[in-house]
Amino acid sequence: MGTSDDGSDRDDGDERASSGAQRRGRLRTLAAGALAAGALAAGALAGACTSRPQPAADDAPAGPYEVVDGWPRIPEGMTFGPALDVAVDGRGRVLVSHAAGRTSGNDAPIGEATILVFDPETGELLDAWGEGLFVYPHGIEVDPNGFVWVTDSEQDRVFKLTPEGDVVMTLGVVP
């Protein structure tokens, strides 16, 4: 126990948890901005993924975002995007669900990795998984126990996975 600025008792564990949540929030904001910047910088990838016009550099998001050139670092030959959601795990790693060049409206699972795990500082790809599991991995969250929850909007299913991508539980009707 400690004392807060207003003189009331506080639990130091609560303060550490709050500090960790604030750090993850900042990392998520930085990651979202960096992903947006990465999408702008990856014109060739965007062109390969969609028929929309290429975004201009001044289309970068305004607000609390910070553009980090070269973040994320996508390996040569990997199709990236569209990025659908971003989460930060308890170790600070940035997890991105993406559609590997596909759009919604498909009925077959994506054969490439759809969950990418990045180092928050360098943008280096640390892990990639989800091949053949998701049709459109629209949402991603990490719970306090480290499990990764992914929603698939085309399958109307929710997946609970280990941090390594192993399925622990699936909610929803199997098609």
N, C-alpha and C. Protein backbone atom coordinates (compact mmCIF):
# COMPACT_ATOMS: atom_id res chain seq x y z
N MET A 1 0.83 -1.18 0.00
CA MET A 1 0.00 0.00 0.00
C MET A 1 0.87 1.24 0.00
N GLY A 2 0.40 2.27 -0.61
CA GLY A 2 1.09 3.55 -0.64
C GLY A 2 0.07 4.65 -0.47
N THR A 3 0.50 5.87 -0.66
CA THR A 3 -0.39 7.02 -0.53
C THR A 3 -0.42 7.75 -1.86
N SER A 4 -1.61 8.06 -2.34
CA SER A 4 -1.74 8.79 -3.59
C SER A 4 -1.51 10.26 -3.36
N ASP A 5 -1.48 11.04 -4.43
CA ASP A 5 -1.25 12.48 -4.35
C ASP A 5 -2.28 13.19 -3.48
N ASP A 6 -3.51 12.63 -3.42
CA ASP A 6 -4.55 13.30 -2.63
C ASP A 6 -4.56 12.82 -1.17
N GLY A 7 -3.57 11.98 -0.77
CA GLY A 7 -3.46 11.52 0.60
C GLY A 7 -4.20 10.24 0.90
N SER A 8 -4.99 9.72 -0.03
CA SER A 8 -5.72 8.48 0.21
C SER A 8 -4.82 7.27 -0.03
N ASP A 9 -5.19 6.14 0.56
CA ASP A 9 -4.42 4.91 0.36
C ASP A 9 -4.62 4.42 -1.06
N ARG A 10 -3.57 3.81 -1.59
CA ARG A 10 -3.67 3.20 -2.92
C ARG A 10 -2.90 1.91 -2.89
N ASP A 11 -3.26 1.02 -3.77
CA ASP A 11 -2.59 -0.27 -3.91
C ASP A 11 -1.55 -0.12 -5.00
N ASP A 12 -0.26 -0.34 -4.66
CA ASP A 12 0.80 -0.20 -5.66
C ASP A 12 0.59 -1.14 -6.83
N GLY A 13 -0.03 -2.29 -6.60
CA GLY A 13 -0.33 -3.22 -7.70
C GLY A 13 -1.28 -2.59 -8.70
N ASP A 14 -2.26 -1.83 -8.17
CA ASP A 14 -3.19 -1.14 -9.07
C ASP A 14 -2.46 -0.10 -9.89
N GLU A 15 -1.50 0.60 -9.27
CA GLU A 15 -0.75 1.62 -9.99
C GLU A 15 0.09 0.98 -11.09
N ARG A 16 0.74 -0.16 -10.77
CA ARG A 16 1.54 -0.84 -11.79
C ARG A 16 0.66 -1.33 -12.93
N ALA A 17 -0.52 -1.87 -12.61
CA ALA A 17 -1.44 -2.33 -13.65
C ALA A 17 -1.89 -1.17 -14.50
N SER A 18 -2.20 -0.03 -13.86
CA SER A 18 -2.62 1.15 -14.59
C SER A 18 -1.50 1.64 -15.50
N SER A 19 -0.27 1.65 -14.97
CA SER A 19 0.89 2.08 -15.76
C SER A 19 1.09 1.16 -16.95
N GLY A 20 0.93 -0.16 -16.75
CA GLY A 20 1.07 -1.11 -17.85
C GLY A 20 0.00 -0.90 -18.90
N ALA A 21 -1.23 -0.64 -18.45
CA ALA A 21 -2.33 -0.39 -19.38
C ALA A 21 -2.08 0.89 -20.17
N GLN A 22 -1.56 1.94 -19.49
CA GLN A 22 -1.25 3.19 -20.19
C GLN A 22 -0.16 2.94 -21.23
N ARG A 23 0.87 2.15 -20.88
CA ARG A 23 1.96 1.87 -21.83
C ARG A 23 1.42 1.10 -23.03
N ARG A 24 0.57 0.09 -22.79
CA ARG A 24 0.00 -0.66 -23.90
C ARG A 24 -0.85 0.24 -24.77
N GLY A 25 -1.60 1.19 -24.15
CA GLY A 25 -2.40 2.13 -24.91
C GLY A 25 -1.54 3.00 -25.81
N ARG A 26 -0.41 3.49 -25.26
CA ARG A 26 0.50 4.30 -26.07
C ARG A 26 1.11 3.48 -27.19
N LEU A 27 1.51 2.22 -26.88
CA LEU A 27 2.08 1.36 -27.92
C LEU A 27 1.05 1.09 -29.01
N ARG A 28 -0.21 0.85 -28.61
CA ARG A 28 -1.25 0.59 -29.59
C ARG A 28 -1.46 1.81 -30.49
N THR A 29 -1.44 3.00 -29.90
CA THR A 29 -1.58 4.23 -30.68
C THR A 29 -0.41 4.39 -31.63
N LEU A 30 0.82 4.18 -31.13
CA LEU A 30 1.99 4.27 -32.00
C LEU A 30 1.94 3.22 -33.10
N ALA A 31 1.52 2.01 -32.75
CA ALA A 31 1.44 0.94 -33.74
C ALA A 31 0.41 1.27 -34.81
N ALA A 32 -0.74 1.79 -34.40
CA ALA A 32 -1.78 2.14 -35.37
C ALA A 32 -1.27 3.23 -36.32
N GLY A 33 -0.58 4.22 -35.77
CA GLY A 33 -0.02 5.27 -36.61
C GLY A 33 1.05 4.74 -37.53
N ALA A 34 1.90 3.86 -37.00
CA ALA A 34 2.97 3.29 -37.81
C ALA A 34 2.39 2.39 -38.90
N LEU A 35 1.35 1.63 -38.57
CA LEU A 35 0.72 0.80 -39.59
C LEU A 35 0.10 1.65 -40.68
N ALA A 36 -0.53 2.74 -40.29
CA ALA A 36 -1.10 3.63 -41.29
C ALA A 36 0.01 4.20 -42.16
N ALA A 37 1.12 4.60 -41.54
CA ALA A 37 2.24 5.12 -42.31
C ALA A 37 2.84 4.04 -43.18
N GLY A 38 2.93 2.82 -42.62
CA GLY A 38 3.47 1.70 -43.40
C GLY A 38 2.59 1.42 -44.61
N ALA A 39 1.28 1.52 -44.41
CA ALA A 39 0.37 1.30 -45.53
C ALA A 39 0.56 2.37 -46.60
N LEU A 40 0.82 3.59 -46.16
CA LEU A 40 1.06 4.66 -47.13
C LEU A 40 2.38 4.43 -47.87
N ALA A 41 3.39 3.98 -47.12
CA ALA A 41 4.70 3.78 -47.72
C ALA A 41 4.73 2.55 -48.60
N ALA A 42 3.85 1.61 -48.36
CA ALA A 42 3.87 0.37 -49.12
C ALA A 42 2.91 0.46 -50.29
N GLY A 43 3.09 1.43 -51.12
CA GLY A 43 2.21 1.65 -52.26
C GLY A 43 2.11 0.44 -53.16
N ALA A 44 3.21 -0.25 -53.37
CA ALA A 44 3.20 -1.43 -54.23
C ALA A 44 2.33 -2.52 -53.62
N LEU A 45 2.42 -2.70 -52.31
CA LEU A 45 1.58 -3.69 -51.66
C LEU A 45 0.12 -3.29 -51.74
N ALA A 46 -0.16 -2.03 -51.47
CA ALA A 46 -1.55 -1.57 -51.51
C ALA A 46 -2.11 -1.74 -52.91
N GLY A 47 -1.32 -1.45 -53.91
CA GLY A 47 -1.78 -1.60 -55.29
C GLY A 47 -2.05 -3.05 -55.63
N ALA A 48 -1.25 -3.94 -55.07
CA ALA A 48 -1.43 -5.36 -55.33
C ALA A 48 -2.66 -5.89 -54.61
N CYS A 49 -3.06 -5.22 -53.52
CA CYS A 49 -4.16 -5.71 -52.71
C CYS A 49 -5.51 -5.15 -53.11
N THR A 50 -5.54 -3.96 -53.65
CA THR A 50 -6.82 -3.32 -53.93
C THR A 50 -6.77 -2.59 -55.26
N SER A 51 -7.92 -2.18 -55.71
CA SER A 51 -7.98 -1.38 -56.93
C SER A 51 -8.18 0.10 -56.61
N ARG A 52 -8.13 0.45 -55.31
CA ARG A 52 -8.30 1.84 -54.92
C ARG A 52 -7.07 2.64 -55.29
N PRO A 53 -7.23 3.97 -55.46
CA PRO A 53 -6.07 4.81 -55.74
C PRO A 53 -5.08 4.77 -54.58
N GLN A 54 -3.81 4.98 -54.90
CA GLN A 54 -2.77 4.97 -53.88
C GLN A 54 -2.92 6.20 -52.98
N PRO A 55 -2.76 6.02 -51.65
CA PRO A 55 -2.85 7.17 -50.75
C PRO A 55 -1.63 8.07 -50.89
N ALA A 56 -1.85 9.34 -50.67
CA ALA A 56 -0.75 10.30 -50.70
C ALA A 56 -0.11 10.36 -49.33
N ALA A 57 1.16 10.77 -49.28
CA ALA A 57 1.89 10.83 -48.01
C ALA A 57 1.21 11.76 -47.01
N ASP A 58 0.55 12.80 -47.49
CA ASP A 58 -0.09 13.72 -46.56
C ASP A 58 -1.45 13.20 -46.07
N ASP A 59 -1.81 11.95 -46.44
CA ASP A 59 -3.02 11.32 -45.93
C ASP A 59 -2.79 10.65 -44.58
N ALA A 60 -1.59 10.78 -44.02
CA ALA A 60 -1.29 10.17 -42.73
C ALA A 60 -2.28 10.70 -41.69
N PRO A 61 -2.69 9.83 -40.76
CA PRO A 61 -3.69 10.24 -39.77
C PRO A 61 -3.20 11.37 -38.89
N ALA A 62 -4.14 12.24 -38.53
CA ALA A 62 -3.82 13.34 -37.61
C ALA A 62 -4.10 12.88 -36.20
N GLY A 63 -3.72 13.66 -35.23
CA GLY A 63 -4.03 13.34 -33.85
C GLY A 63 -2.85 12.74 -33.12
N PRO A 64 -3.11 11.78 -32.24
CA PRO A 64 -2.05 11.28 -31.35
C PRO A 64 -1.15 10.25 -32.02
N TYR A 65 -1.11 10.22 -33.34
CA TYR A 65 -0.31 9.22 -34.04
C TYR A 65 1.08 9.75 -34.34
N GLU A 66 2.01 8.84 -34.37
CA GLU A 66 3.38 9.18 -34.71
C GLU A 66 3.80 8.31 -35.89
N VAL A 67 4.27 8.91 -36.97
CA VAL A 67 4.73 8.17 -38.12
C VAL A 67 6.16 7.68 -37.83
N VAL A 68 6.36 6.38 -37.99
CA VAL A 68 7.67 5.78 -37.79
C VAL A 68 8.06 5.12 -39.10
N ASP A 69 8.98 5.76 -39.82
CA ASP A 69 9.40 5.22 -41.11
C ASP A 69 9.99 3.83 -40.93
N GLY A 70 9.62 2.91 -41.82
CA GLY A 70 10.16 1.57 -41.80
C GLY A 70 9.52 0.65 -40.77
N TRP A 71 8.44 1.10 -40.13
CA TRP A 71 7.75 0.27 -39.15
C TRP A 71 6.35 0.01 -39.67
N PRO A 72 5.92 -1.20 -39.83
CA PRO A 72 6.59 -2.46 -39.54
C PRO A 72 7.50 -2.88 -40.68
N ARG A 73 8.37 -3.85 -40.39
CA ARG A 73 9.25 -4.41 -41.42
C ARG A 73 8.63 -5.72 -41.89
N ILE A 74 8.10 -5.68 -43.12
CA ILE A 74 7.43 -6.84 -43.71
C ILE A 74 8.45 -7.60 -44.55
N PRO A 75 8.60 -8.91 -44.33
CA PRO A 75 9.55 -9.68 -45.12
C PRO A 75 9.23 -9.65 -46.61
N GLU A 76 10.27 -9.69 -47.41
CA GLU A 76 10.14 -9.74 -48.86
C GLU A 76 9.22 -10.90 -49.26
N GLY A 77 8.28 -10.63 -50.14
CA GLY A 77 7.39 -11.67 -50.64
C GLY A 77 6.13 -11.89 -49.83
N MET A 78 6.03 -11.31 -48.64
CA MET A 78 4.83 -11.46 -47.83
C MET A 78 3.80 -10.41 -48.24
N THR A 79 2.56 -10.84 -48.45
CA THR A 79 1.48 -9.91 -48.74
C THR A 79 0.96 -9.37 -47.42
N PHE A 80 0.96 -8.06 -47.26
CA PHE A 80 0.52 -7.43 -46.02
C PHE A 80 -0.67 -6.53 -46.29
N GLY A 81 -1.70 -6.70 -45.46
CA GLY A 81 -2.83 -5.80 -45.51
C GLY A 81 -4.02 -6.38 -46.23
N PRO A 82 -5.14 -5.75 -46.12
CA PRO A 82 -5.32 -4.60 -45.25
C PRO A 82 -5.23 -4.99 -43.78
N ALA A 83 -4.64 -4.09 -42.99
CA ALA A 83 -4.59 -4.28 -41.55
C ALA A 83 -5.99 -4.06 -41.00
N LEU A 84 -6.48 -5.01 -40.22
CA LEU A 84 -7.86 -4.95 -39.74
C LEU A 84 -7.97 -4.51 -38.28
N ASP A 85 -6.99 -4.89 -37.46
CA ASP A 85 -7.02 -4.49 -36.06
C ASP A 85 -5.62 -4.64 -35.47
N VAL A 86 -5.40 -3.98 -34.34
CA VAL A 86 -4.10 -3.97 -33.66
C VAL A 86 -4.33 -4.21 -32.18
N ALA A 87 -3.47 -5.02 -31.56
CA ALA A 87 -3.51 -5.24 -30.12
C ALA A 87 -2.07 -5.26 -29.61
N VAL A 88 -1.91 -5.02 -28.33
CA VAL A 88 -0.60 -5.08 -27.70
C VAL A 88 -0.70 -6.07 -26.55
N ASP A 89 0.24 -7.04 -26.51
CA ASP A 89 0.19 -8.04 -25.43
C ASP A 89 0.93 -7.55 -24.20
N GLY A 90 0.93 -8.34 -23.15
CA GLY A 90 1.55 -7.97 -21.89
C GLY A 90 3.05 -7.78 -21.97
N ARG A 91 3.68 -8.33 -23.01
CA ARG A 91 5.13 -8.16 -23.20
C ARG A 91 5.44 -6.95 -24.07
N GLY A 92 4.38 -6.24 -24.52
CA GLY A 92 4.57 -5.06 -25.35
C GLY A 92 4.63 -5.35 -26.84
N ARG A 93 4.54 -6.61 -27.22
CA ARG A 93 4.57 -6.95 -28.65
C ARG A 93 3.28 -6.48 -29.32
N VAL A 94 3.39 -6.07 -30.56
CA VAL A 94 2.25 -5.56 -31.31
C VAL A 94 1.72 -6.66 -32.22
N LEU A 95 0.45 -7.01 -32.04
CA LEU A 95 -0.20 -8.03 -32.85
C LEU A 95 -1.13 -7.35 -33.84
N VAL A 96 -1.05 -7.75 -35.08
CA VAL A 96 -1.87 -7.16 -36.13
C VAL A 96 -2.63 -8.28 -36.83
N SER A 97 -3.95 -8.11 -36.92
CA SER A 97 -4.73 -9.02 -37.76
C SER A 97 -4.85 -8.34 -39.12
N HIS A 98 -4.59 -9.12 -40.16
CA HIS A 98 -4.68 -8.57 -41.51
C HIS A 98 -5.23 -9.63 -42.44
N ALA A 99 -5.63 -9.22 -43.63
CA ALA A 99 -6.33 -10.11 -44.55
C ALA A 99 -5.46 -10.63 -45.69
N ALA A 100 -4.14 -10.41 -45.62
CA ALA A 100 -3.20 -10.96 -46.62
C ALA A 100 -3.65 -10.66 -48.05
N GLY A 101 -4.08 -9.42 -48.28
CA GLY A 101 -4.45 -9.00 -49.63
C GLY A 101 -5.88 -9.28 -50.03
N ARG A 102 -6.67 -9.86 -49.14
CA ARG A 102 -8.05 -10.18 -49.48
C ARG A 102 -9.01 -9.13 -48.92
N THR A 103 -10.20 -9.13 -49.44
CA THR A 103 -11.25 -8.26 -48.93
C THR A 103 -12.33 -9.14 -48.30
N SER A 104 -13.27 -8.54 -47.62
CA SER A 104 -14.37 -9.34 -47.06
C SER A 104 -15.24 -9.87 -48.19
N GLY A 105 -16.06 -10.84 -47.85
CA GLY A 105 -16.94 -11.43 -48.86
C GLY A 105 -16.41 -12.75 -49.40
N ASN A 106 -15.37 -13.29 -48.78
CA ASN A 106 -14.82 -14.58 -49.19
C ASN A 106 -15.43 -15.69 -48.36
N ASP A 107 -15.29 -16.93 -48.83
CA ASP A 107 -15.79 -18.04 -48.02
C ASP A 107 -14.73 -19.09 -47.74
N ALA A 108 -13.53 -18.91 -48.23
CA ALA A 108 -12.45 -19.87 -47.99
C ALA A 108 -11.41 -19.26 -47.05
N PRO A 109 -10.86 -20.07 -46.15
CA PRO A 109 -9.82 -19.56 -45.25
C PRO A 109 -8.61 -19.03 -46.03
N ILE A 110 -7.96 -18.04 -45.46
CA ILE A 110 -6.77 -17.44 -46.05
C ILE A 110 -5.59 -18.38 -45.80
N GLY A 111 -4.86 -18.70 -46.84
CA GLY A 111 -3.76 -19.64 -46.74
C GLY A 111 -2.49 -19.08 -46.13
N GLU A 112 -2.37 -17.77 -46.09
CA GLU A 112 -1.18 -17.14 -45.52
C GLU A 112 -1.42 -16.78 -44.06
N ALA A 113 -0.32 -16.46 -43.36
CA ALA A 113 -0.43 -16.02 -41.96
C ALA A 113 -1.25 -14.73 -41.90
N THR A 114 -2.21 -14.69 -40.99
CA THR A 114 -3.09 -13.52 -40.86
C THR A 114 -2.89 -12.78 -39.55
N ILE A 115 -2.13 -13.35 -38.63
CA ILE A 115 -1.79 -12.68 -37.38
C ILE A 115 -0.28 -12.48 -37.37
N LEU A 116 0.12 -11.23 -37.34
CA LEU A 116 1.54 -10.88 -37.35
C LEU A 116 1.91 -10.28 -36.01
N VAL A 117 3.06 -10.67 -35.48
CA VAL A 117 3.53 -10.21 -34.18
C VAL A 117 4.82 -9.44 -34.39
N PHE A 118 4.83 -8.16 -33.99
CA PHE A 118 5.97 -7.28 -34.24
C PHE A 118 6.63 -6.82 -32.94
N ASP A 119 7.93 -6.58 -33.04
CA ASP A 119 8.66 -5.92 -31.96
C ASP A 119 8.21 -4.47 -31.94
N PRO A 120 7.82 -3.94 -30.77
CA PRO A 120 7.28 -2.58 -30.74
C PRO A 120 8.29 -1.50 -31.08
N GLU A 121 9.55 -1.75 -30.83
CA GLU A 121 10.57 -0.73 -31.08
C GLU A 121 11.08 -0.76 -32.52
N THR A 122 11.41 -1.96 -33.00
CA THR A 122 12.06 -2.07 -34.31
C THR A 122 11.10 -2.33 -35.45
N GLY A 123 9.91 -2.86 -35.15
CA GLY A 123 8.97 -3.24 -36.19
C GLY A 123 9.30 -4.56 -36.83
N GLU A 124 10.31 -5.26 -36.30
CA GLU A 124 10.71 -6.56 -36.84
C GLU A 124 9.59 -7.57 -36.62
N LEU A 125 9.32 -8.38 -37.64
CA LEU A 125 8.32 -9.44 -37.54
C LEU A 125 8.90 -10.55 -36.67
N LEU A 126 8.26 -10.80 -35.52
CA LEU A 126 8.74 -11.81 -34.58
C LEU A 126 8.06 -13.16 -34.80
N ASP A 127 6.81 -13.13 -35.22
CA ASP A 127 6.05 -14.36 -35.39
C ASP A 127 4.90 -14.07 -36.35
N ALA A 128 4.42 -15.11 -36.99
CA ALA A 128 3.29 -15.00 -37.91
C ALA A 128 2.56 -16.33 -37.89
N TRP A 129 1.23 -16.28 -37.73
CA TRP A 129 0.46 -17.51 -37.68
C TRP A 129 -0.99 -17.25 -38.11
N GLY A 130 -1.77 -18.31 -38.14
CA GLY A 130 -3.18 -18.21 -38.52
C GLY A 130 -3.46 -18.71 -39.92
N GLU A 131 -2.48 -19.35 -40.56
CA GLU A 131 -2.68 -19.87 -41.91
C GLU A 131 -3.83 -20.88 -41.94
N GLY A 132 -4.76 -20.68 -42.87
CA GLY A 132 -5.86 -21.61 -43.04
C GLY A 132 -6.91 -21.60 -41.94
N LEU A 133 -6.82 -20.68 -40.99
CA LEU A 133 -7.75 -20.64 -39.87
C LEU A 133 -8.85 -19.59 -40.05
N PHE A 134 -8.48 -18.44 -40.59
CA PHE A 134 -9.43 -17.32 -40.66
C PHE A 134 -9.81 -17.01 -42.10
N VAL A 135 -11.07 -16.58 -42.27
CA VAL A 135 -11.54 -16.10 -43.56
C VAL A 135 -11.37 -14.58 -43.62
N TYR A 136 -11.67 -13.90 -42.53
CA TYR A 136 -11.48 -12.45 -42.43
C TYR A 136 -11.32 -12.08 -40.95
N PRO A 137 -10.08 -12.09 -40.44
CA PRO A 137 -9.83 -11.86 -39.01
C PRO A 137 -9.98 -10.40 -38.64
N HIS A 138 -11.22 -10.01 -38.40
CA HIS A 138 -11.58 -8.60 -38.29
C HIS A 138 -11.18 -7.93 -36.99
N GLY A 139 -11.12 -8.66 -35.89
CA GLY A 139 -10.78 -8.05 -34.61
C GLY A 139 -9.79 -8.88 -33.84
N ILE A 140 -8.96 -8.21 -33.02
CA ILE A 140 -7.98 -8.92 -32.20
C ILE A 140 -7.82 -8.19 -30.86
N GLU A 141 -7.77 -8.95 -29.79
CA GLU A 141 -7.53 -8.44 -28.44
C GLU A 141 -6.68 -9.46 -27.70
N VAL A 142 -5.95 -8.99 -26.70
CA VAL A 142 -5.18 -9.88 -25.82
C VAL A 142 -5.73 -9.69 -24.41
N ASP A 143 -6.11 -10.81 -23.77
CA ASP A 143 -6.68 -10.70 -22.43
C ASP A 143 -5.58 -10.64 -21.37
N PRO A 144 -5.92 -10.37 -20.12
CA PRO A 144 -4.91 -10.24 -19.06
C PRO A 144 -4.08 -11.50 -18.83
N ASN A 145 -4.58 -12.66 -19.27
CA ASN A 145 -3.84 -13.91 -19.13
C ASN A 145 -2.97 -14.22 -20.34
N GLY A 146 -2.94 -13.32 -21.31
CA GLY A 146 -2.10 -13.49 -22.49
C GLY A 146 -2.75 -14.22 -23.64
N PHE A 147 -3.99 -14.66 -23.48
CA PHE A 147 -4.67 -15.33 -24.58
C PHE A 147 -5.06 -14.30 -25.63
N VAL A 148 -4.98 -14.71 -26.89
CA VAL A 148 -5.31 -13.85 -28.01
C VAL A 148 -6.71 -14.23 -28.49
N TRP A 149 -7.59 -13.24 -28.58
CA TRP A 149 -8.96 -13.45 -29.04
C TRP A 149 -9.11 -12.80 -30.41
N VAL A 150 -9.54 -13.58 -31.39
CA VAL A 150 -9.70 -13.09 -32.76
C VAL A 150 -11.13 -13.34 -33.21
N THR A 151 -11.77 -12.30 -33.73
CA THR A 151 -13.10 -12.46 -34.31
C THR A 151 -12.94 -12.59 -35.82
N ASP A 152 -13.70 -13.50 -36.39
CA ASP A 152 -13.71 -13.68 -37.83
C ASP A 152 -15.10 -13.29 -38.32
N SER A 153 -15.20 -12.14 -38.97
CA SER A 153 -16.50 -11.60 -39.36
C SER A 153 -17.15 -12.39 -40.48
N GLU A 154 -16.39 -13.15 -41.25
CA GLU A 154 -16.99 -13.94 -42.33
C GLU A 154 -17.49 -15.30 -41.83
N GLN A 155 -16.88 -15.79 -40.76
CA GLN A 155 -17.30 -17.08 -40.21
C GLN A 155 -18.27 -16.92 -39.03
N ASP A 156 -18.46 -15.67 -38.56
CA ASP A 156 -19.28 -15.42 -37.37
C ASP A 156 -18.79 -16.26 -36.20
N ARG A 157 -17.45 -16.23 -36.02
CA ARG A 157 -16.83 -17.03 -34.97
C ARG A 157 -15.81 -16.19 -34.20
N VAL A 158 -15.58 -16.62 -32.96
CA VAL A 158 -14.56 -16.02 -32.11
C VAL A 158 -13.59 -17.14 -31.72
N PHE A 159 -12.30 -16.86 -31.84
CA PHE A 159 -11.27 -17.83 -31.51
C PHE A 159 -10.47 -17.35 -30.31
N LYS A 160 -10.22 -18.25 -29.38
CA LYS A 160 -9.30 -18.00 -28.28
C LYS A 160 -8.05 -18.81 -28.58
N LEU A 161 -6.90 -18.10 -28.62
CA LEU A 161 -5.66 -18.75 -29.00
C LEU A 161 -4.56 -18.48 -27.97
N THR A 162 -3.56 -19.34 -27.96
CA THR A 162 -2.38 -19.10 -27.14
C THR A 162 -1.56 -18.00 -27.80
N PRO A 163 -0.59 -17.42 -27.10
CA PRO A 163 0.27 -16.41 -27.73
C PRO A 163 1.05 -16.93 -28.94
N GLU A 164 1.13 -18.26 -29.06
CA GLU A 164 1.82 -18.86 -30.21
C GLU A 164 0.85 -19.20 -31.34
N GLY A 165 -0.45 -18.97 -31.14
CA GLY A 165 -1.43 -19.18 -32.20
C GLY A 165 -2.15 -20.52 -32.17
N ASP A 166 -1.99 -21.30 -31.10
CA ASP A 166 -2.71 -22.57 -31.00
C ASP A 166 -4.13 -22.31 -30.51
N VAL A 167 -5.11 -22.92 -31.18
CA VAL A 167 -6.52 -22.72 -30.83
C VAL A 167 -6.82 -23.41 -29.50
N VAL A 168 -7.39 -22.65 -28.57
CA VAL A 168 -7.80 -23.16 -27.27
C VAL A 168 -9.30 -23.39 -27.25
N MET A 169 -10.03 -22.47 -27.90
CA MET A 169 -11.50 -22.54 -27.89
C MET A 169 -12.03 -21.78 -29.10
N THR A 170 -13.15 -22.26 -29.60
CA THR A 170 -13.84 -21.58 -30.70
C THR A 170 -15.30 -21.39 -30.31
N LEU A 171 -15.80 -20.17 -30.47
CA LEU A 171 -17.20 -19.88 -30.20
C LEU A 171 -17.89 -19.57 -31.53
N GLY A 172 -19.08 -20.10 -31.69
CA GLY A 172 -19.82 -19.88 -32.93
C GLY A 172 -20.08 -21.20 -33.61
N VAL A 173 -20.94 -21.17 -34.59
CA VAL A 173 -21.33 -22.38 -35.30
C VAL A 173 -20.34 -22.67 -36.40
N VAL A 174 -19.89 -23.91 -36.46
CA VAL A 174 -18.97 -24.31 -37.53
C VAL A 174 -19.78 -24.43 -38.83
N PRO A 175 -19.31 -23.76 -39.87
CA PRO A 175 -20.07 -23.80 -41.14
C PRO A 175 -20.09 -25.19 -41.75
